[in-house]
Amino acid sequence: MSPELTSEARKEIFGQATGFRKEPVPEAMKSATKNGKPGSNGVLFTRRELLAAHERALKRADKMTAQEGFASLVKAGICTPEGKLSPRYGG
């Protein structure tokens, strides 16, 4: 019968077996957004606001040509310029 492993021992064995090491969490996290505008600060949108945004996005997509739609997928990193899914999306 083998001795029971403590949770700390399990973590150590897991780390050794997988090479997995957790980085310590920094004291101060970056809070600025990439575009310089303040974020929503945890405020949730209402159902009406979400539906309105969805409707605007659908109207914008309906007006796009196939080339514009493809270009937006490439710009978003979903597809490669060759038309394949990017690695992030399983390509």
PDB file of N, CA and C in Angstrom:
ATOM      1  N   MET A   1       0.845  -1.183   0.000  1.00  0.00           N
ATOM      2  CA  MET A   1       0.000   0.000   0.000  1.00  0.00           C
ATOM      3  C   MET A   1       0.894   1.252   0.000  1.00  0.00           C
ATOM      4  N   SER A   2       0.634   2.160  -0.936  1.00  0.00           N
ATOM      5  CA  SER A   2       1.475   3.350  -1.036  1.00  0.00           C
ATOM      6  C   SER A   2       0.947   4.452  -0.128  1.00  0.00           C
ATOM      7  N   PRO A   3       1.849   5.318   0.356  1.00  0.00           N
ATOM      8  CA  PRO A   3       1.410   6.403   1.237  1.00  0.00           C
ATOM      9  C   PRO A   3       0.594   7.427   0.444  1.00  0.00           C
ATOM     10  N   GLU A   4      -0.304   8.099   1.144  1.00  0.00           N
ATOM     11  CA  GLU A   4      -1.128   9.140   0.519  1.00  0.00           C
ATOM     12  C   GLU A   4      -0.265  10.357   0.186  1.00  0.00           C
ATOM     13  N   LEU A   5      -0.531  10.939  -0.959  1.00  0.00           N
ATOM     14  CA  LEU A   5       0.182  12.158  -1.348  1.00  0.00           C
ATOM     15  C   LEU A   5      -0.592  13.372  -0.880  1.00  0.00           C
ATOM     16  N   THR A   6       0.113  14.332  -0.346  1.00  0.00           N
ATOM     17  CA  THR A   6      -0.535  15.587   0.020  1.00  0.00           C
ATOM     18  C   THR A   6      -0.750  16.393  -1.247  1.00  0.00           C
ATOM     19  N   SER A   7      -1.588  17.399  -1.162  1.00  0.00           N
ATOM     20  CA  SER A   7      -1.840  18.221  -2.347  1.00  0.00           C
ATOM     21  C   SER A   7      -0.563  18.928  -2.807  1.00  0.00           C
ATOM     22  N   GLU A   8       0.282  19.330  -1.871  1.00  0.00           N
ATOM     23  CA  GLU A   8       1.542  19.981  -2.238  1.00  0.00           C
ATOM     24  C   GLU A   8       2.458  19.003  -2.964  1.00  0.00           C
ATOM     25  N   ALA A   9       2.510  17.755  -2.498  1.00  0.00           N
ATOM     26  CA  ALA A   9       3.339  16.747  -3.153  1.00  0.00           C
ATOM     27  C   ALA A   9       2.810  16.463  -4.553  1.00  0.00           C
ATOM     28  N   ARG A  10       1.493  16.419  -4.702  1.00  0.00           N
ATOM     29  CA  ARG A  10       0.894  16.192  -6.025  1.00  0.00           C
ATOM     30  C   ARG A  10       1.274  17.319  -6.986  1.00  0.00           C
ATOM     31  N   LYS A  11       1.197  18.552  -6.493  1.00  0.00           N
ATOM     32  CA  LYS A  11       1.553  19.699  -7.334  1.00  0.00           C
ATOM     33  C   LYS A  11       3.011  19.607  -7.775  1.00  0.00           C
ATOM     34  N   GLU A  12       3.874  19.234  -6.857  1.00  0.00           N
ATOM     35  CA  GLU A  12       5.298  19.128  -7.167  1.00  0.00           C
ATOM     36  C   GLU A  12       5.547  18.036  -8.206  1.00  0.00           C
ATOM     37  N   ILE A  13       4.903  16.884  -8.024  1.00  0.00           N
ATOM     38  CA  ILE A  13       5.071  15.788  -8.980  1.00  0.00           C
ATOM     39  C   ILE A  13       4.518  16.183 -10.344  1.00  0.00           C
ATOM     40  N   PHE A  14       3.355  16.822 -10.351  1.00  0.00           N
ATOM     41  CA  PHE A  14       2.766  17.280 -11.605  1.00  0.00           C
ATOM     42  C   PHE A  14       3.700  18.260 -12.308  1.00  0.00           C
ATOM     43  N   GLY A  15       4.258  19.190 -11.552  1.00  0.00           N
ATOM     44  CA  GLY A  15       5.180  20.170 -12.123  1.00  0.00           C
ATOM     45  C   GLY A  15       6.416  19.522 -12.700  1.00  0.00           C
ATOM     46  N   GLN A  16       6.944  18.524 -12.017  1.00  0.00           N
ATOM     47  CA  GLN A  16       8.132  17.834 -12.511  1.00  0.00           C
ATOM     48  C   GLN A  16       7.807  17.014 -13.758  1.00  0.00           C
ATOM     49  N   ALA A  17       6.664  16.345 -13.752  1.00  0.00           N
ATOM     50  CA  ALA A  17       6.310  15.458 -14.867  1.00  0.00           C
ATOM     51  C   ALA A  17       5.976  16.245 -16.131  1.00  0.00           C
ATOM     52  N   THR A  18       5.363  17.391 -15.994  1.00  0.00           N
ATOM     53  CA  THR A  18       4.910  18.145 -17.170  1.00  0.00           C
ATOM     54  C   THR A  18       5.788  19.343 -17.487  1.00  0.00           C
ATOM     55  N   GLY A  19       6.653  19.711 -16.589  1.00  0.00           N
ATOM     56  CA  GLY A  19       7.449  20.926 -16.794  1.00  0.00           C
ATOM     57  C   GLY A  19       6.610  22.178 -16.567  1.00  0.00           C
ATOM     58  N   PHE A  20       5.455  22.010 -15.966  1.00  0.00           N
ATOM     59  CA  PHE A  20       4.533  23.118 -15.763  1.00  0.00           C
ATOM     60  C   PHE A  20       4.930  23.903 -14.526  1.00  0.00           C
ATOM     61  N   ARG A  21       5.114  25.173 -14.704  1.00  0.00           N
ATOM     62  CA  ARG A  21       5.428  26.051 -13.578  1.00  0.00           C
ATOM     63  C   ARG A  21       4.514  27.267 -13.664  1.00  0.00           C
ATOM     64  N   LYS A  22       3.878  27.569 -12.569  1.00  0.00           N
ATOM     65  CA  LYS A  22       3.026  28.754 -12.547  1.00  0.00           C
ATOM     66  C   LYS A  22       3.879  29.979 -12.281  1.00  0.00           C
ATOM     67  N   GLU A  23       3.632  30.998 -13.057  1.00  0.00           N
ATOM     68  CA  GLU A  23       4.296  32.274 -12.829  1.00  0.00           C
ATOM     69  C   GLU A  23       3.568  32.989 -11.696  1.00  0.00           C
ATOM     70  N   PRO A  24       4.290  33.662 -10.829  1.00  0.00           N
ATOM     71  CA  PRO A  24       3.603  34.407  -9.772  1.00  0.00           C
ATOM     72  C   PRO A  24       2.783  35.546 -10.372  1.00  0.00           C
ATOM     73  N   VAL A  25       1.669  35.828  -9.772  1.00  0.00           N
ATOM     74  CA  VAL A  25       0.805  36.896 -10.252  1.00  0.00           C
ATOM     75  C   VAL A  25       1.437  38.228  -9.891  1.00  0.00           C
ATOM     76  N   PRO A  26       1.588  39.138 -10.852  1.00  0.00           N
ATOM     77  CA  PRO A  26       2.185  40.439 -10.527  1.00  0.00           C
ATOM     78  C   PRO A  26       1.287  41.226  -9.580  1.00  0.00           C
ATOM     79  N   GLU A  27       1.912  42.067  -8.777  1.00  0.00           N
ATOM     80  CA  GLU A  27       1.160  42.869  -7.816  1.00  0.00           C
ATOM     81  C   GLU A  27       0.206  43.836  -8.514  1.00  0.00           C
ATOM     82  N   ALA A  28       0.684  44.466  -9.587  1.00  0.00           N
ATOM     83  CA  ALA A  28      -0.150  45.427 -10.310  1.00  0.00           C
ATOM     84  C   ALA A  28      -0.379  44.914 -11.728  1.00  0.00           C
ATOM     85  N   MET A  29      -1.620  44.753 -12.100  1.00  0.00           N
ATOM     86  CA  MET A  29      -1.964  44.293 -13.439  1.00  0.00           C
ATOM     87  C   MET A  29      -2.201  45.501 -14.334  1.00  0.00           C
ATOM     88  N   LYS A  30      -1.904  45.346 -15.616  1.00  0.00           N
ATOM     89  CA  LYS A  30      -2.196  46.419 -16.555  1.00  0.00           C
ATOM     90  C   LYS A  30      -3.707  46.555 -16.675  1.00  0.00           C
ATOM     91  N   SER A  31      -4.183  47.769 -16.642  1.00  0.00           N
ATOM     92  CA  SER A  31      -5.626  47.971 -16.729  1.00  0.00           C
ATOM     93  C   SER A  31      -6.028  48.800 -17.938  1.00  0.00           C
ATOM     94  N   ALA A  32      -5.070  49.350 -18.653  1.00  0.00           N
ATOM     95  CA  ALA A  32      -5.388  50.183 -19.805  1.00  0.00           C
ATOM     96  C   ALA A  32      -5.807  49.305 -20.972  1.00  0.00           C
ATOM     97  N   THR A  33      -6.754  49.794 -21.750  1.00  0.00           N
ATOM     98  CA  THR A  33      -7.172  49.076 -22.944  1.00  0.00           C
ATOM     99  C   THR A  33      -6.230  49.434 -24.081  1.00  0.00           C
ATOM    100  N   LYS A  34      -6.240  48.633 -25.127  1.00  0.00           N
ATOM    101  CA  LYS A  34      -5.335  48.872 -26.251  1.00  0.00           C
ATOM    102  C   LYS A  34      -5.660  50.167 -26.984  1.00  0.00           C
ATOM    103  N   ASN A  35      -6.957  50.516 -27.050  1.00  0.00           N
ATOM    104  CA  ASN A  35      -7.329  51.701 -27.811  1.00  0.00           C
ATOM    105  C   ASN A  35      -7.340  52.979 -26.976  1.00  0.00           C
ATOM    106  N   GLY A  36      -7.006  52.874 -25.704  1.00  0.00           N
ATOM    107  CA  GLY A  36      -6.927  54.060 -24.862  1.00  0.00           C
ATOM    108  C   GLY A  36      -8.253  54.492 -24.276  1.00  0.00           C
ATOM    109  N   LYS A  37      -9.355  53.874 -24.714  1.00  0.00           N
ATOM    110  CA  LYS A  37     -10.666  54.231 -24.169  1.00  0.00           C
ATOM    111  C   LYS A  37     -10.914  53.411 -22.904  1.00  0.00           C
ATOM    112  N   PRO A  38     -11.643  53.986 -21.958  1.00  0.00           N
ATOM    113  CA  PRO A  38     -11.925  53.208 -20.753  1.00  0.00           C
ATOM    114  C   PRO A  38     -12.812  52.018 -21.079  1.00  0.00           C
ATOM    115  N   GLY A  39     -12.648  50.934 -20.345  1.00  0.00           N
ATOM    116  CA  GLY A  39     -13.464  49.749 -20.551  1.00  0.00           C
ATOM    117  C   GLY A  39     -14.843  49.930 -19.942  1.00  0.00           C
ATOM    118  N   SER A  40     -15.639  48.882 -20.001  1.00  0.00           N
ATOM    119  CA  SER A  40     -16.995  48.979 -19.468  1.00  0.00           C
ATOM    120  C   SER A  40     -17.004  48.930 -17.950  1.00  0.00           C
ATOM    121  N   ASN A  41     -15.876  48.592 -17.334  1.00  0.00           N
ATOM    122  CA  ASN A  41     -15.740  48.574 -15.878  1.00  0.00           C
ATOM    123  C   ASN A  41     -16.745  47.640 -15.218  1.00  0.00           C
ATOM    124  N   GLY A  42     -17.031  46.518 -15.881  1.00  0.00           N
ATOM    125  CA  GLY A  42     -17.911  45.527 -15.293  1.00  0.00           C
ATOM    126  C   GLY A  42     -19.385  45.789 -15.474  1.00  0.00           C
ATOM    127  N   VAL A  43     -19.758  46.864 -16.162  1.00  0.00           N
ATOM    128  CA  VAL A  43     -21.161  47.173 -16.381  1.00  0.00           C
ATOM    129  C   VAL A  43     -21.674  46.282 -17.510  1.00  0.00           C
ATOM    130  N   LEU A  44     -22.736  45.569 -17.247  1.00  0.00           N
ATOM    131  CA  LEU A  44     -23.304  44.695 -18.266  1.00  0.00           C
ATOM    132  C   LEU A  44     -24.301  45.461 -19.132  1.00  0.00           C
ATOM    133  N   PHE A  45     -24.343  45.102 -20.399  1.00  0.00           N
ATOM    134  CA  PHE A  45     -25.296  45.723 -21.308  1.00  0.00           C
ATOM    135  C   PHE A  45     -26.668  45.098 -21.097  1.00  0.00           C
ATOM    136  N   THR A  46     -27.699  45.876 -21.387  1.00  0.00           N
ATOM    137  CA  THR A  46     -29.052  45.341 -21.280  1.00  0.00           C
ATOM    138  C   THR A  46     -29.344  44.485 -22.498  1.00  0.00           C
ATOM    139  N   ARG A  47     -30.389  43.690 -22.404  1.00  0.00           N
ATOM    140  CA  ARG A  47     -30.807  42.844 -23.533  1.00  0.00           C
ATOM    141  C   ARG A  47     -31.109  43.714 -24.753  1.00  0.00           C
ATOM    142  N   ARG A  48     -31.764  44.840 -24.540  1.00  0.00           N
ATOM    143  CA  ARG A  48     -32.126  45.743 -25.641  1.00  0.00           C
ATOM    144  C   ARG A  48     -30.854  46.284 -26.327  1.00  0.00           C
ATOM    145  N   GLU A  49     -29.854  46.669 -25.527  1.00  0.00           N
ATOM    146  CA  GLU A  49     -28.601  47.181 -26.098  1.00  0.00           C
ATOM    147  C   GLU A  49     -27.866  46.100 -26.889  1.00  0.00           C
ATOM    148  N   LEU A  50     -27.847  44.877 -26.356  1.00  0.00           N
ATOM    149  CA  LEU A  50     -27.186  43.781 -27.063  1.00  0.00           C
ATOM    150  C   LEU A  50     -27.887  43.452 -28.368  1.00  0.00           C
ATOM    151  N   LEU A  51     -29.211  43.433 -28.351  1.00  0.00           N
ATOM    152  CA  LEU A  51     -29.959  43.157 -29.578  1.00  0.00           C
ATOM    153  C   LEU A  51     -29.753  44.259 -30.612  1.00  0.00           C
ATOM    154  N   ALA A  52     -29.697  45.507 -30.168  1.00  0.00           N
ATOM    155  CA  ALA A  52     -29.465  46.618 -31.084  1.00  0.00           C
ATOM    156  C   ALA A  52     -28.075  46.521 -31.702  1.00  0.00           C
ATOM    157  N   ALA A  53     -27.061  46.173 -30.900  1.00  0.00           N
ATOM    158  CA  ALA A  53     -25.701  46.017 -31.425  1.00  0.00           C
ATOM    159  C   ALA A  53     -25.644  44.853 -32.412  1.00  0.00           C
ATOM    160  N   HIS A  54     -26.337  43.786 -32.120  1.00  0.00           N
ATOM    161  CA  HIS A  54     -26.380  42.631 -33.016  1.00  0.00           C
ATOM    162  C   HIS A  54     -27.029  43.013 -34.341  1.00  0.00           C
ATOM    163  N   GLU A  55     -28.116  43.748 -34.277  1.00  0.00           N
ATOM    164  CA  GLU A  55     -28.813  44.196 -35.488  1.00  0.00           C
ATOM    165  C   GLU A  55     -27.911  45.099 -36.337  1.00  0.00           C
ATOM    166  N   ARG A  56     -27.174  46.010 -35.692  1.00  0.00           N
ATOM    167  CA  ARG A  56     -26.249  46.879 -36.430  1.00  0.00           C
ATOM    168  C   ARG A  56     -25.150  46.057 -37.109  1.00  0.00           C
ATOM    169  N   ALA A  57     -24.636  45.063 -36.404  1.00  0.00           N
ATOM    170  CA  ALA A  57     -23.585  44.221 -36.973  1.00  0.00           C
ATOM    171  C   ALA A  57     -24.107  43.428 -38.164  1.00  0.00           C
ATOM    172  N   LEU A  58     -25.318  42.912 -38.067  1.00  0.00           N
ATOM    173  CA  LEU A  58     -25.905  42.167 -39.187  1.00  0.00           C
ATOM    174  C   LEU A  58     -26.118  43.068 -40.405  1.00  0.00           C
ATOM    175  N   LYS A  59     -26.585  44.283 -40.170  1.00  0.00           N
ATOM    176  CA  LYS A  59     -26.782  45.220 -41.284  1.00  0.00           C
ATOM    177  C   LYS A  59     -25.453  45.550 -41.955  1.00  0.00           C
ATOM    178  N   ARG A  60     -24.406  45.753 -41.132  1.00  0.00           N
ATOM    179  CA  ARG A  60     -23.083  46.045 -41.678  1.00  0.00           C
ATOM    180  C   ARG A  60     -22.572  44.860 -42.496  1.00  0.00           C
ATOM    181  N   ALA A  61     -22.773  43.651 -41.993  1.00  0.00           N
ATOM    182  CA  ALA A  61     -22.313  42.444 -42.690  1.00  0.00           C
ATOM    183  C   ALA A  61     -23.086  42.237 -43.980  1.00  0.00           C
ATOM    184  N   ASP A  62     -24.386  42.553 -43.982  1.00  0.00           N
ATOM    185  CA  ASP A  62     -25.196  42.397 -45.197  1.00  0.00           C
ATOM    186  C   ASP A  62     -24.737  43.322 -46.315  1.00  0.00           C
ATOM    187  N   LYS A  63     -24.191  44.480 -45.958  1.00  0.00           N
ATOM    188  CA  LYS A  63     -23.744  45.448 -46.958  1.00  0.00           C
ATOM    189  C   LYS A  63     -22.365  45.107 -47.528  1.00  0.00           C
ATOM    190  N   MET A  64     -21.635  44.189 -46.884  1.00  0.00           N
ATOM    191  CA  MET A  64     -20.278  43.840 -47.323  1.00  0.00           C
ATOM    192  C   MET A  64     -20.304  42.973 -48.575  1.00  0.00           C
ATOM    193  N   THR A  65     -19.309  43.185 -49.408  1.00  0.00           N
ATOM    194  CA  THR A  65     -19.099  42.261 -50.520  1.00  0.00           C
ATOM    195  C   THR A  65     -18.382  41.031 -49.970  1.00  0.00           C
ATOM    196  N   ALA A  66     -18.306  39.981 -50.774  1.00  0.00           N
ATOM    197  CA  ALA A  66     -17.605  38.769 -50.338  1.00  0.00           C
ATOM    198  C   ALA A  66     -16.144  39.075 -50.032  1.00  0.00           C
ATOM    199  N   GLN A  67     -15.532  39.930 -50.844  1.00  0.00           N
ATOM    200  CA  GLN A  67     -14.125  40.281 -50.625  1.00  0.00           C
ATOM    201  C   GLN A  67     -13.948  41.057 -49.326  1.00  0.00           C
ATOM    202  N   GLU A  68     -14.866  41.963 -49.032  1.00  0.00           N
ATOM    203  CA  GLU A  68     -14.787  42.726 -47.788  1.00  0.00           C
ATOM    204  C   GLU A  68     -14.992  41.813 -46.579  1.00  0.00           C
ATOM    205  N   GLY A  69     -15.924  40.877 -46.690  1.00  0.00           N
ATOM    206  CA  GLY A  69     -16.162  39.930 -45.605  1.00  0.00           C
ATOM    207  C   GLY A  69     -14.943  39.068 -45.344  1.00  0.00           C
ATOM    208  N   PHE A  70     -14.324  38.572 -46.430  1.00  0.00           N
ATOM    209  CA  PHE A  70     -13.124  37.759 -46.277  1.00  0.00           C
ATOM    210  C   PHE A  70     -11.992  38.580 -45.665  1.00  0.00           C
ATOM    211  N   ALA A  71     -11.840  39.821 -46.130  1.00  0.00           N
ATOM    212  CA  ALA A  71     -10.787  40.695 -45.593  1.00  0.00           C
ATOM    213  C   ALA A  71     -10.992  40.931 -44.095  1.00  0.00           C
ATOM    214  N   SER A  72     -12.246  41.044 -43.655  1.00  0.00           N
ATOM    215  CA  SER A  72     -12.487  41.259 -42.225  1.00  0.00           C
ATOM    216  C   SER A  72     -12.144  40.007 -41.419  1.00  0.00           C
ATOM    217  N   LEU A  73     -12.366  38.809 -41.992  1.00  0.00           N
ATOM    218  CA  LEU A  73     -11.986  37.569 -41.308  1.00  0.00           C
ATOM    219  C   LEU A  73     -10.468  37.457 -41.177  1.00  0.00           C
ATOM    220  N   VAL A  74      -9.755  37.884 -42.219  1.00  0.00           N
ATOM    221  CA  VAL A  74      -8.291  37.864 -42.176  1.00  0.00           C
ATOM    222  C   VAL A  74      -7.796  38.882 -41.153  1.00  0.00           C
ATOM    223  N   LYS A  75      -8.373  40.077 -41.166  1.00  0.00           N
ATOM    224  CA  LYS A  75      -7.956  41.130 -40.235  1.00  0.00           C
ATOM    225  C   LYS A  75      -8.201  40.718 -38.782  1.00  0.00           C
ATOM    226  N   ALA A  76      -9.295  39.977 -38.553  1.00  0.00           N
ATOM    227  CA  ALA A  76      -9.619  39.519 -37.195  1.00  0.00           C
ATOM    228  C   ALA A  76      -8.766  38.334 -36.772  1.00  0.00           C
ATOM    229  N   GLY A  77      -8.017  37.745 -37.720  1.00  0.00           N
ATOM    230  CA  GLY A  77      -7.154  36.622 -37.384  1.00  0.00           C
ATOM    231  C   GLY A  77      -7.867  35.276 -37.400  1.00  0.00           C
ATOM    232  N   ILE A  78      -9.058  35.235 -37.979  1.00  0.00           N
ATOM    233  CA  ILE A  78      -9.818  33.993 -38.029  1.00  0.00           C
ATOM    234  C   ILE A  78      -9.347  33.133 -39.196  1.00  0.00           C
ATOM    235  N   CYS A  79      -9.079  33.778 -40.322  1.00  0.00           N
ATOM    236  CA  CYS A  79      -8.603  33.079 -41.522  1.00  0.00           C
ATOM    237  C   CYS A  79      -7.243  33.622 -41.925  1.00  0.00           C
ATOM    238  N   THR A  80      -6.498  32.791 -42.657  1.00  0.00           N
ATOM    239  CA  THR A  80      -5.242  33.249 -43.248  1.00  0.00           C
ATOM    240  C   THR A  80      -5.558  33.855 -44.607  1.00  0.00           C
ATOM    241  N   PRO A  81      -4.654  34.623 -45.172  1.00  0.00           N
ATOM    242  CA  PRO A  81      -4.891  35.177 -46.508  1.00  0.00           C
ATOM    243  C   PRO A  81      -5.088  34.090 -47.573  1.00  0.00           C
ATOM    244  N   GLU A  82      -4.630  32.870 -47.284  1.00  0.00           N
ATOM    245  CA  GLU A  82      -4.802  31.778 -48.240  1.00  0.00           C
ATOM    246  C   GLU A  82      -6.193  31.142 -48.138  1.00  0.00           C
ATOM    247  N   GLY A  83      -6.978  31.549 -47.150  1.00  0.00           N
ATOM    248  CA  GLY A  83      -8.331  31.030 -47.006  1.00  0.00           C
ATOM    249  C   GLY A  83      -8.481  29.886 -46.024  1.00  0.00           C
ATOM    250  N   LYS A  84      -7.426  29.546 -45.326  1.00  0.00           N
ATOM    251  CA  LYS A  84      -7.484  28.469 -44.319  1.00  0.00           C
ATOM    252  C   LYS A  84      -7.779  29.082 -42.955  1.00  0.00           C
ATOM    253  N   LEU A  85      -8.323  28.249 -42.051  1.00  0.00           N
ATOM    254  CA  LEU A  85      -8.517  28.725 -40.680  1.00  0.00           C
ATOM    255  C   LEU A  85      -7.143  28.956 -40.057  1.00  0.00           C
ATOM    256  N   SER A  86      -7.053  29.993 -39.244  1.00  0.00           N
ATOM    257  CA  SER A  86      -5.794  30.255 -38.554  1.00  0.00           C
ATOM    258  C   SER A  86      -5.583  29.169 -37.489  1.00  0.00           C
ATOM    259  N   PRO A  87      -4.346  28.952 -37.077  1.00  0.00           N
ATOM    260  CA  PRO A  87      -4.074  27.930 -36.054  1.00  0.00           C
ATOM    261  C   PRO A  87      -4.901  28.116 -34.788  1.00  0.00           C
ATOM    262  N   ARG A  88      -5.155  29.342 -34.432  1.00  0.00           N
ATOM    263  CA  ARG A  88      -5.931  29.617 -33.226  1.00  0.00           C
ATOM    264  C   ARG A  88      -7.338  29.035 -33.312  1.00  0.00           C
ATOM    265  N   TYR A  89      -7.861  28.919 -34.529  1.00  0.00           N
ATOM    266  CA  TYR A  89      -9.205  28.403 -34.734  1.00  0.00           C
ATOM    267  C   TYR A  89      -9.207  26.987 -35.300  1.00  0.00           C
ATOM    268  N   GLY A  90      -8.095  26.293 -35.158  1.00  0.00           N
ATOM    269  CA  GLY A  90      -8.053  24.888 -35.527  1.00  0.00           C
ATOM    270  C   GLY A  90      -7.505  24.607 -36.907  1.00  0.00           C
ATOM    271  N   GLY A  91      -6.967  25.612 -37.587  1.00  0.00           N
ATOM    272  CA  GLY A  91      -6.427  25.410 -38.941  1.00  0.00           C
ATOM    273  C   GLY A  91      -4.997  24.983 -38.957  1.00  0.00           C
TER     274      GLY A  91
END
